[in-house]
Amino acid sequence: MDKLLRGGRFIDLHRVIKESMQASVERYSLKDMERFAGYLCEINLQEASEARRKLGAVLNLKMLDRITDDDKQIVEVYNKDDCLATLKLHQWLESICQEQVGLGAELTRPELKTGDASETVDEKDDYARRLYEQLIDGLPGRRCGLF
């Protein structure tokens, strides 16, 4: 994940859409834009919202035995919908990009980075590890294996 983040491999599609187009929507959320990309949700959004709230509450309360299979299934389908809608939105935006290039527009893409960590990352990790060891050295719980 660090390599992907350092490499700048994630694109904020929401920002791209908000800053590059006008659509007949109040907000430019994924749910509002997916219809333009030709995606139809499999799950009822009101039902999904209720299941997500319930699931979040039982997770926060650490009452895992109260999670129902129905709620898990609904949230799974909701998350799958989000992934597929994002893919469809990406494909739609790419088709618009290719269409514009075909019409002569010069569009550039961000420079690809390797995502490799700089040499100072290892040095900083070592420093943080040594500092942590110094901070916990001599604490009573240290001998009991708590740290």
N, C-alpha and C. Protein backbone atom coordinates (compact mmCIF):
# COMPACT_ATOMS: atom_id res chain seq x y z
N MET A 1 0.82 -1.18 0.00
CA MET A 1 0.00 0.00 0.00
C MET A 1 0.88 1.26 0.00
N ASP A 2 1.97 1.20 0.80
CA ASP A 2 2.87 2.35 0.83
C ASP A 2 3.42 2.66 -0.56
N LYS A 3 3.80 1.59 -1.27
CA LYS A 3 4.38 1.78 -2.61
C LYS A 3 3.35 2.41 -3.56
N LEU A 4 2.11 1.97 -3.48
CA LEU A 4 1.06 2.56 -4.32
C LEU A 4 0.83 4.03 -3.98
N LEU A 5 0.81 4.33 -2.68
CA LEU A 5 0.60 5.72 -2.27
C LEU A 5 1.77 6.60 -2.68
N ARG A 6 3.00 6.13 -2.41
CA ARG A 6 4.17 6.92 -2.79
C ARG A 6 4.25 7.10 -4.30
N GLY A 7 3.80 6.09 -5.05
CA GLY A 7 3.85 6.15 -6.50
C GLY A 7 2.74 6.99 -7.11
N GLY A 8 1.84 7.52 -6.28
CA GLY A 8 0.76 8.36 -6.79
C GLY A 8 -0.18 7.60 -7.72
N ARG A 9 -0.43 6.33 -7.41
CA ARG A 9 -1.22 5.47 -8.30
C ARG A 9 -2.73 5.64 -8.13
N PHE A 10 -3.15 6.36 -7.11
CA PHE A 10 -4.58 6.53 -6.89
C PHE A 10 -5.04 7.87 -7.48
N ILE A 11 -6.17 7.83 -8.14
CA ILE A 11 -6.74 9.02 -8.74
C ILE A 11 -8.06 9.31 -8.04
N ASP A 12 -8.27 10.53 -7.67
CA ASP A 12 -9.51 10.94 -7.02
C ASP A 12 -10.53 11.24 -8.14
N LEU A 13 -11.31 10.22 -8.50
CA LEU A 13 -12.28 10.39 -9.59
C LEU A 13 -13.32 11.46 -9.25
N HIS A 14 -13.67 11.57 -7.99
CA HIS A 14 -14.64 12.58 -7.58
C HIS A 14 -14.11 13.98 -7.92
N ARG A 15 -12.86 14.22 -7.60
CA ARG A 15 -12.26 15.53 -7.90
C ARG A 15 -12.14 15.74 -9.41
N VAL A 16 -11.75 14.71 -10.13
CA VAL A 16 -11.63 14.81 -11.58
C VAL A 16 -12.97 15.22 -12.18
N ILE A 17 -14.03 14.57 -11.76
CA ILE A 17 -15.36 14.87 -12.30
C ILE A 17 -15.80 16.27 -11.91
N LYS A 18 -15.67 16.62 -10.63
CA LYS A 18 -16.11 17.94 -10.18
C LYS A 18 -15.38 19.07 -10.90
N GLU A 19 -14.09 18.86 -11.20
CA GLU A 19 -13.30 19.93 -11.79
C GLU A 19 -13.29 19.92 -13.31
N SER A 20 -13.88 18.89 -13.94
CA SER A 20 -13.75 18.82 -15.39
C SER A 20 -15.06 18.76 -16.15
N MET A 21 -16.18 18.63 -15.47
CA MET A 21 -17.42 18.53 -16.24
C MET A 21 -18.60 19.11 -15.47
N GLN A 22 -19.66 19.32 -16.24
CA GLN A 22 -20.92 19.75 -15.66
C GLN A 22 -21.95 18.68 -16.00
N ALA A 23 -22.72 18.30 -14.98
CA ALA A 23 -23.74 17.28 -15.18
C ALA A 23 -25.02 17.73 -14.48
N SER A 24 -26.10 17.14 -14.87
CA SER A 24 -27.41 17.50 -14.31
C SER A 24 -27.64 16.76 -12.99
N VAL A 25 -26.78 17.05 -12.00
CA VAL A 25 -26.88 16.44 -10.68
C VAL A 25 -26.67 17.52 -9.63
N GLU A 26 -27.19 17.28 -8.42
CA GLU A 26 -26.96 18.24 -7.34
C GLU A 26 -25.56 18.09 -6.77
N ARG A 27 -25.12 16.84 -6.62
CA ARG A 27 -23.77 16.53 -6.13
C ARG A 27 -23.09 15.70 -7.20
N TYR A 28 -21.83 15.56 -7.09
CA TYR A 28 -21.09 14.76 -8.04
C TYR A 28 -20.57 13.49 -7.37
N SER A 29 -21.39 12.89 -6.54
CA SER A 29 -21.00 11.66 -5.85
C SER A 29 -21.02 10.49 -6.83
N LEU A 30 -20.39 9.41 -6.42
CA LEU A 30 -20.37 8.21 -7.25
C LEU A 30 -21.80 7.78 -7.57
N LYS A 31 -22.65 7.80 -6.57
CA LYS A 31 -24.04 7.37 -6.77
C LYS A 31 -24.78 8.27 -7.76
N ASP A 32 -24.44 9.54 -7.77
CA ASP A 32 -25.08 10.47 -8.71
C ASP A 32 -24.54 10.32 -10.12
N MET A 33 -23.27 9.97 -10.24
CA MET A 33 -22.62 9.93 -11.56
C MET A 33 -22.68 8.56 -12.24
N GLU A 34 -22.95 7.51 -11.49
CA GLU A 34 -22.87 6.17 -12.09
C GLU A 34 -23.87 5.97 -13.23
N ARG A 35 -24.98 6.66 -13.20
CA ARG A 35 -25.94 6.51 -14.29
C ARG A 35 -25.40 7.03 -15.62
N PHE A 36 -24.56 8.08 -15.56
CA PHE A 36 -23.95 8.61 -16.78
C PHE A 36 -22.98 7.59 -17.38
N ALA A 37 -22.37 6.80 -16.50
CA ALA A 37 -21.42 5.78 -16.95
C ALA A 37 -22.13 4.50 -17.37
N GLY A 38 -23.44 4.46 -17.19
CA GLY A 38 -24.20 3.29 -17.60
C GLY A 38 -24.24 2.17 -16.58
N TYR A 39 -24.04 2.51 -15.30
CA TYR A 39 -24.08 1.48 -14.26
C TYR A 39 -25.38 1.58 -13.46
N LEU A 40 -25.99 0.45 -13.21
CA LEU A 40 -27.20 0.40 -12.39
C LEU A 40 -26.90 -0.42 -11.14
N CYS A 41 -27.18 0.16 -9.98
CA CYS A 41 -26.94 -0.53 -8.71
C CYS A 41 -27.78 -1.79 -8.60
N GLU A 42 -27.17 -2.78 -7.97
CA GLU A 42 -27.88 -4.03 -7.72
C GLU A 42 -28.69 -3.94 -6.43
N ILE A 43 -28.25 -3.11 -5.50
CA ILE A 43 -28.84 -3.05 -4.16
C ILE A 43 -29.65 -1.77 -3.99
N ASN A 44 -30.71 -1.85 -3.21
CA ASN A 44 -31.50 -0.69 -2.84
C ASN A 44 -30.69 0.15 -1.85
N LEU A 45 -30.47 1.43 -2.16
CA LEU A 45 -29.60 2.27 -1.35
C LEU A 45 -30.12 2.50 0.06
N GLN A 46 -31.43 2.61 0.22
CA GLN A 46 -31.99 2.81 1.56
C GLN A 46 -31.75 1.57 2.41
N GLU A 47 -31.95 0.40 1.82
CA GLU A 47 -31.71 -0.86 2.52
C GLU A 47 -30.23 -0.99 2.87
N ALA A 48 -29.37 -0.61 1.95
CA ALA A 48 -27.93 -0.70 2.18
C ALA A 48 -27.50 0.26 3.29
N SER A 49 -28.05 1.47 3.32
CA SER A 49 -27.71 2.43 4.36
C SER A 49 -28.09 1.91 5.73
N GLU A 50 -29.25 1.31 5.83
CA GLU A 50 -29.70 0.76 7.11
C GLU A 50 -28.78 -0.38 7.56
N ALA A 51 -28.43 -1.27 6.65
CA ALA A 51 -27.55 -2.40 6.99
C ALA A 51 -26.16 -1.89 7.38
N ARG A 52 -25.67 -0.88 6.69
CA ARG A 52 -24.35 -0.32 7.02
C ARG A 52 -24.35 0.32 8.39
N ARG A 53 -25.43 1.04 8.73
CA ARG A 53 -25.53 1.66 10.06
C ARG A 53 -25.55 0.59 11.15
N LYS A 54 -26.37 -0.46 10.94
CA LYS A 54 -26.45 -1.53 11.94
C LYS A 54 -25.11 -2.23 12.10
N LEU A 55 -24.48 -2.53 10.98
CA LEU A 55 -23.19 -3.22 11.02
C LEU A 55 -22.15 -2.34 11.73
N GLY A 56 -22.13 -1.06 11.43
CA GLY A 56 -21.21 -0.15 12.09
C GLY A 56 -21.43 -0.08 13.59
N ALA A 57 -22.70 -0.05 13.99
CA ALA A 57 -23.01 0.02 15.42
C ALA A 57 -22.55 -1.23 16.16
N VAL A 58 -22.84 -2.40 15.63
CA VAL A 58 -22.44 -3.63 16.34
C VAL A 58 -20.92 -3.79 16.33
N LEU A 59 -20.24 -3.32 15.30
CA LEU A 59 -18.78 -3.37 15.30
C LEU A 59 -18.20 -2.42 16.34
N ASN A 60 -18.75 -1.22 16.42
CA ASN A 60 -18.29 -0.25 17.42
C ASN A 60 -18.52 -0.74 18.84
N LEU A 61 -19.61 -1.43 19.05
CA LEU A 61 -19.94 -1.95 20.37
C LEU A 61 -19.29 -3.30 20.65
N LYS A 62 -18.55 -3.81 19.65
CA LYS A 62 -17.87 -5.11 19.76
C LYS A 62 -18.86 -6.24 20.11
N MET A 63 -20.03 -6.16 19.50
CA MET A 63 -21.07 -7.19 19.70
C MET A 63 -21.17 -8.01 18.42
N LEU A 64 -20.09 -8.66 18.07
CA LEU A 64 -19.99 -9.35 16.79
C LEU A 64 -21.04 -10.43 16.62
N ASP A 65 -21.53 -11.00 17.71
CA ASP A 65 -22.56 -12.04 17.62
C ASP A 65 -23.90 -11.49 17.15
N ARG A 66 -24.05 -10.16 17.12
CA ARG A 66 -25.30 -9.54 16.68
C ARG A 66 -25.30 -9.21 15.19
N ILE A 67 -24.20 -9.48 14.50
CA ILE A 67 -24.13 -9.23 13.06
C ILE A 67 -24.93 -10.32 12.36
N THR A 68 -25.89 -9.90 11.55
CA THR A 68 -26.72 -10.88 10.85
C THR A 68 -26.13 -11.19 9.47
N ASP A 69 -26.39 -12.38 9.01
CA ASP A 69 -25.94 -12.76 7.67
C ASP A 69 -26.58 -11.87 6.61
N ASP A 70 -27.85 -11.48 6.83
CA ASP A 70 -28.53 -10.60 5.87
C ASP A 70 -27.81 -9.26 5.75
N ASP A 71 -27.46 -8.67 6.90
CA ASP A 71 -26.77 -7.38 6.86
C ASP A 71 -25.40 -7.51 6.21
N LYS A 72 -24.67 -8.57 6.52
CA LYS A 72 -23.37 -8.79 5.89
C LYS A 72 -23.52 -8.91 4.38
N GLN A 73 -24.54 -9.64 3.95
CA GLN A 73 -24.77 -9.84 2.50
C GLN A 73 -25.12 -8.52 1.81
N ILE A 74 -25.97 -7.73 2.45
CA ILE A 74 -26.38 -6.45 1.88
C ILE A 74 -25.17 -5.52 1.75
N VAL A 75 -24.35 -5.44 2.79
CA VAL A 75 -23.17 -4.56 2.76
C VAL A 75 -22.16 -5.07 1.74
N GLU A 76 -22.03 -6.37 1.61
CA GLU A 76 -21.12 -6.94 0.61
C GLU A 76 -21.56 -6.54 -0.80
N VAL A 77 -22.86 -6.66 -1.07
CA VAL A 77 -23.37 -6.28 -2.40
C VAL A 77 -23.21 -4.78 -2.62
N TYR A 78 -23.44 -3.99 -1.58
CA TYR A 78 -23.26 -2.53 -1.67
C TYR A 78 -21.81 -2.20 -2.03
N ASN A 79 -20.86 -2.84 -1.34
CA ASN A 79 -19.44 -2.60 -1.62
C ASN A 79 -19.06 -3.06 -3.02
N LYS A 80 -19.61 -4.19 -3.43
CA LYS A 80 -19.37 -4.68 -4.79
C LYS A 80 -19.90 -3.67 -5.80
N ASP A 81 -21.11 -3.15 -5.55
CA ASP A 81 -21.68 -2.11 -6.42
C ASP A 81 -20.74 -0.92 -6.52
N ASP A 82 -20.20 -0.47 -5.38
CA ASP A 82 -19.28 0.67 -5.40
C ASP A 82 -18.05 0.39 -6.26
N CYS A 83 -17.50 -0.80 -6.11
CA CYS A 83 -16.30 -1.16 -6.90
C CYS A 83 -16.62 -1.20 -8.39
N LEU A 84 -17.72 -1.85 -8.74
CA LEU A 84 -18.08 -1.95 -10.15
C LEU A 84 -18.48 -0.60 -10.73
N ALA A 85 -19.17 0.22 -9.94
CA ALA A 85 -19.55 1.55 -10.41
C ALA A 85 -18.30 2.42 -10.62
N THR A 86 -17.32 2.30 -9.74
CA THR A 86 -16.07 3.05 -9.89
C THR A 86 -15.34 2.61 -11.16
N LEU A 87 -15.29 1.31 -11.40
CA LEU A 87 -14.67 0.80 -12.62
C LEU A 87 -15.40 1.34 -13.84
N LYS A 88 -16.71 1.28 -13.84
CA LYS A 88 -17.50 1.75 -14.98
C LYS A 88 -17.30 3.26 -15.19
N LEU A 89 -17.23 4.00 -14.09
CA LEU A 89 -16.99 5.44 -14.18
C LEU A 89 -15.61 5.72 -14.76
N HIS A 90 -14.62 4.98 -14.32
CA HIS A 90 -13.26 5.11 -14.87
C HIS A 90 -13.26 4.83 -16.38
N GLN A 91 -13.92 3.75 -16.78
CA GLN A 91 -13.98 3.40 -18.20
C GLN A 91 -14.69 4.48 -19.01
N TRP A 92 -15.73 5.04 -18.45
CA TRP A 92 -16.48 6.10 -19.12
C TRP A 92 -15.60 7.34 -19.30
N LEU A 93 -14.89 7.71 -18.23
CA LEU A 93 -14.00 8.87 -18.32
C LEU A 93 -12.87 8.62 -19.33
N GLU A 94 -12.34 7.41 -19.35
CA GLU A 94 -11.30 7.06 -20.33
C GLU A 94 -11.84 7.16 -21.75
N SER A 95 -13.08 6.74 -21.97
CA SER A 95 -13.66 6.82 -23.32
C SER A 95 -13.81 8.28 -23.74
N ILE A 96 -14.18 9.15 -22.81
CA ILE A 96 -14.29 10.58 -23.11
C ILE A 96 -12.90 11.13 -23.45
N CYS A 97 -11.91 10.72 -22.69
CA CYS A 97 -10.53 11.15 -22.92
C CYS A 97 -10.07 10.73 -24.31
N GLN A 98 -10.29 9.47 -24.65
CA GLN A 98 -9.86 8.97 -25.96
C GLN A 98 -10.61 9.67 -27.10
N GLU A 99 -11.87 9.96 -26.86
CA GLU A 99 -12.65 10.69 -27.86
C GLU A 99 -12.05 12.07 -28.10
N GLN A 100 -11.67 12.75 -27.03
CA GLN A 100 -11.08 14.09 -27.15
C GLN A 100 -9.72 14.03 -27.83
N VAL A 101 -8.92 13.01 -27.52
CA VAL A 101 -7.62 12.84 -28.18
C VAL A 101 -7.85 12.60 -29.68
N GLY A 102 -8.88 11.80 -29.99
CA GLY A 102 -9.21 11.53 -31.39
C GLY A 102 -9.63 12.79 -32.14
N LEU A 103 -10.15 13.77 -31.42
CA LEU A 103 -10.54 15.04 -32.02
C LEU A 103 -9.40 16.06 -32.05
N GLY A 104 -8.22 15.61 -31.58
CA GLY A 104 -7.05 16.47 -31.66
C GLY A 104 -6.61 17.12 -30.36
N ALA A 105 -7.32 16.86 -29.28
CA ALA A 105 -6.92 17.45 -28.00
C ALA A 105 -5.62 16.83 -27.51
N GLU A 106 -4.76 17.65 -26.92
CA GLU A 106 -3.52 17.14 -26.34
C GLU A 106 -3.71 17.02 -24.84
N LEU A 107 -3.90 15.81 -24.40
CA LEU A 107 -4.10 15.55 -22.98
C LEU A 107 -2.91 14.79 -22.43
N THR A 108 -2.43 15.23 -21.28
CA THR A 108 -1.28 14.57 -20.68
C THR A 108 -1.72 13.80 -19.44
N ARG A 109 -0.97 12.80 -19.13
CA ARG A 109 -1.23 12.00 -17.94
C ARG A 109 -0.13 12.30 -16.92
N PRO A 110 -0.44 12.09 -15.65
CA PRO A 110 0.60 12.30 -14.63
C PRO A 110 1.80 11.37 -14.88
N GLU A 111 2.96 11.84 -14.50
CA GLU A 111 4.18 11.03 -14.64
C GLU A 111 4.09 9.82 -13.71
N LEU A 112 4.43 8.65 -14.25
CA LEU A 112 4.44 7.44 -13.43
C LEU A 112 5.67 7.42 -12.54
N LYS A 113 5.45 7.12 -11.27
CA LYS A 113 6.55 7.02 -10.32
C LYS A 113 6.66 5.56 -9.90
N THR A 114 7.85 5.17 -9.47
CA THR A 114 8.06 3.77 -9.07
C THR A 114 7.37 3.45 -7.75
N GLY A 115 7.29 4.42 -6.87
CA GLY A 115 6.72 4.17 -5.56
C GLY A 115 7.72 3.63 -4.56
N ASP A 116 8.99 3.51 -5.00
CA ASP A 116 10.02 3.03 -4.08
C ASP A 116 10.24 4.05 -2.98
N ALA A 117 10.52 3.54 -1.79
CA ALA A 117 10.78 4.42 -0.65
C ALA A 117 12.13 5.09 -0.81
N SER A 118 12.23 6.30 -0.32
CA SER A 118 13.53 6.98 -0.36
C SER A 118 14.43 6.34 0.69
N GLU A 119 15.71 6.58 0.56
CA GLU A 119 16.67 6.00 1.50
C GLU A 119 16.42 6.47 2.92
N THR A 120 15.88 7.67 3.08
CA THR A 120 15.66 8.20 4.43
C THR A 120 14.54 7.50 5.17
N VAL A 121 13.66 6.79 4.46
CA VAL A 121 12.56 6.10 5.13
C VAL A 121 13.10 5.04 6.08
N ASP A 122 14.06 4.24 5.61
CA ASP A 122 14.65 3.22 6.48
C ASP A 122 15.36 3.85 7.67
N GLU A 123 16.05 4.95 7.42
CA GLU A 123 16.74 5.65 8.52
C GLU A 123 15.73 6.14 9.55
N LYS A 124 14.63 6.70 9.09
CA LYS A 124 13.60 7.20 10.00
C LYS A 124 12.93 6.06 10.77
N ASP A 125 12.71 4.93 10.10
CA ASP A 125 12.16 3.75 10.78
C ASP A 125 13.10 3.28 11.88
N ASP A 126 14.39 3.21 11.58
CA ASP A 126 15.37 2.79 12.59
C ASP A 126 15.39 3.75 13.77
N TYR A 127 15.36 5.04 13.47
CA TYR A 127 15.35 6.06 14.52
C TYR A 127 14.10 5.91 15.40
N ALA A 128 12.94 5.73 14.76
CA ALA A 128 11.69 5.58 15.52
C ALA A 128 11.72 4.32 16.38
N ARG A 129 12.29 3.24 15.86
CA ARG A 129 12.38 2.00 16.62
C ARG A 129 13.29 2.16 17.85
N ARG A 130 14.44 2.83 17.64
CA ARG A 130 15.37 3.07 18.77
C ARG A 130 14.72 3.98 19.81
N LEU A 131 14.04 5.02 19.36
CA LEU A 131 13.37 5.94 20.27
C LEU A 131 12.29 5.22 21.07
N TYR A 132 11.52 4.39 20.41
CA TYR A 132 10.48 3.60 21.09
C TYR A 132 11.11 2.72 22.17
N GLU A 133 12.18 2.03 21.82
CA GLU A 133 12.85 1.15 22.78
C GLU A 133 13.34 1.94 23.99
N GLN A 134 13.89 3.14 23.76
CA GLN A 134 14.35 3.98 24.87
C GLN A 134 13.19 4.42 25.75
N LEU A 135 12.06 4.72 25.13
CA LEU A 135 10.90 5.19 25.90
C LEU A 135 10.30 4.10 26.79
N ILE A 136 10.28 2.88 26.29
CA ILE A 136 9.64 1.82 27.08
C ILE A 136 10.63 1.07 27.97
N ASP A 137 11.93 1.32 27.78
CA ASP A 137 12.94 0.64 28.60
C ASP A 137 12.72 0.97 30.07
N GLY A 138 12.65 -0.04 30.86
CA GLY A 138 12.48 0.15 32.30
C GLY A 138 11.04 0.21 32.77
N LEU A 139 10.08 0.22 31.87
CA LEU A 139 8.68 0.22 32.29
C LEU A 139 8.34 -1.14 32.90
N PRO A 140 7.50 -1.15 33.95
CA PRO A 140 7.17 -2.43 34.62
C PRO A 140 6.59 -3.48 33.68
N GLY A 141 5.76 -3.10 32.79
CA GLY A 141 5.12 -4.06 31.88
C GLY A 141 6.08 -4.68 30.89
N ARG A 142 7.23 -4.07 30.72
CA ARG A 142 8.24 -4.56 29.77
C ARG A 142 8.68 -5.99 30.12
N ARG A 143 8.90 -6.24 31.40
CA ARG A 143 9.36 -7.56 31.82
C ARG A 143 8.28 -8.61 31.67
N CYS A 144 7.01 -8.21 31.69
CA CYS A 144 5.88 -9.14 31.59
C CYS A 144 5.49 -9.41 30.15
N GLY A 145 6.14 -8.76 29.23
CA GLY A 145 5.82 -8.98 27.81
C GLY A 145 4.66 -8.14 27.31
N LEU A 146 4.30 -7.08 28.01
CA LEU A 146 3.19 -6.23 27.57
C LEU A 146 3.61 -5.29 26.44
N PHE A 147 4.90 -5.06 26.26
CA PHE A 147 5.36 -4.15 25.20
C PHE A 147 6.18 -4.89 24.21
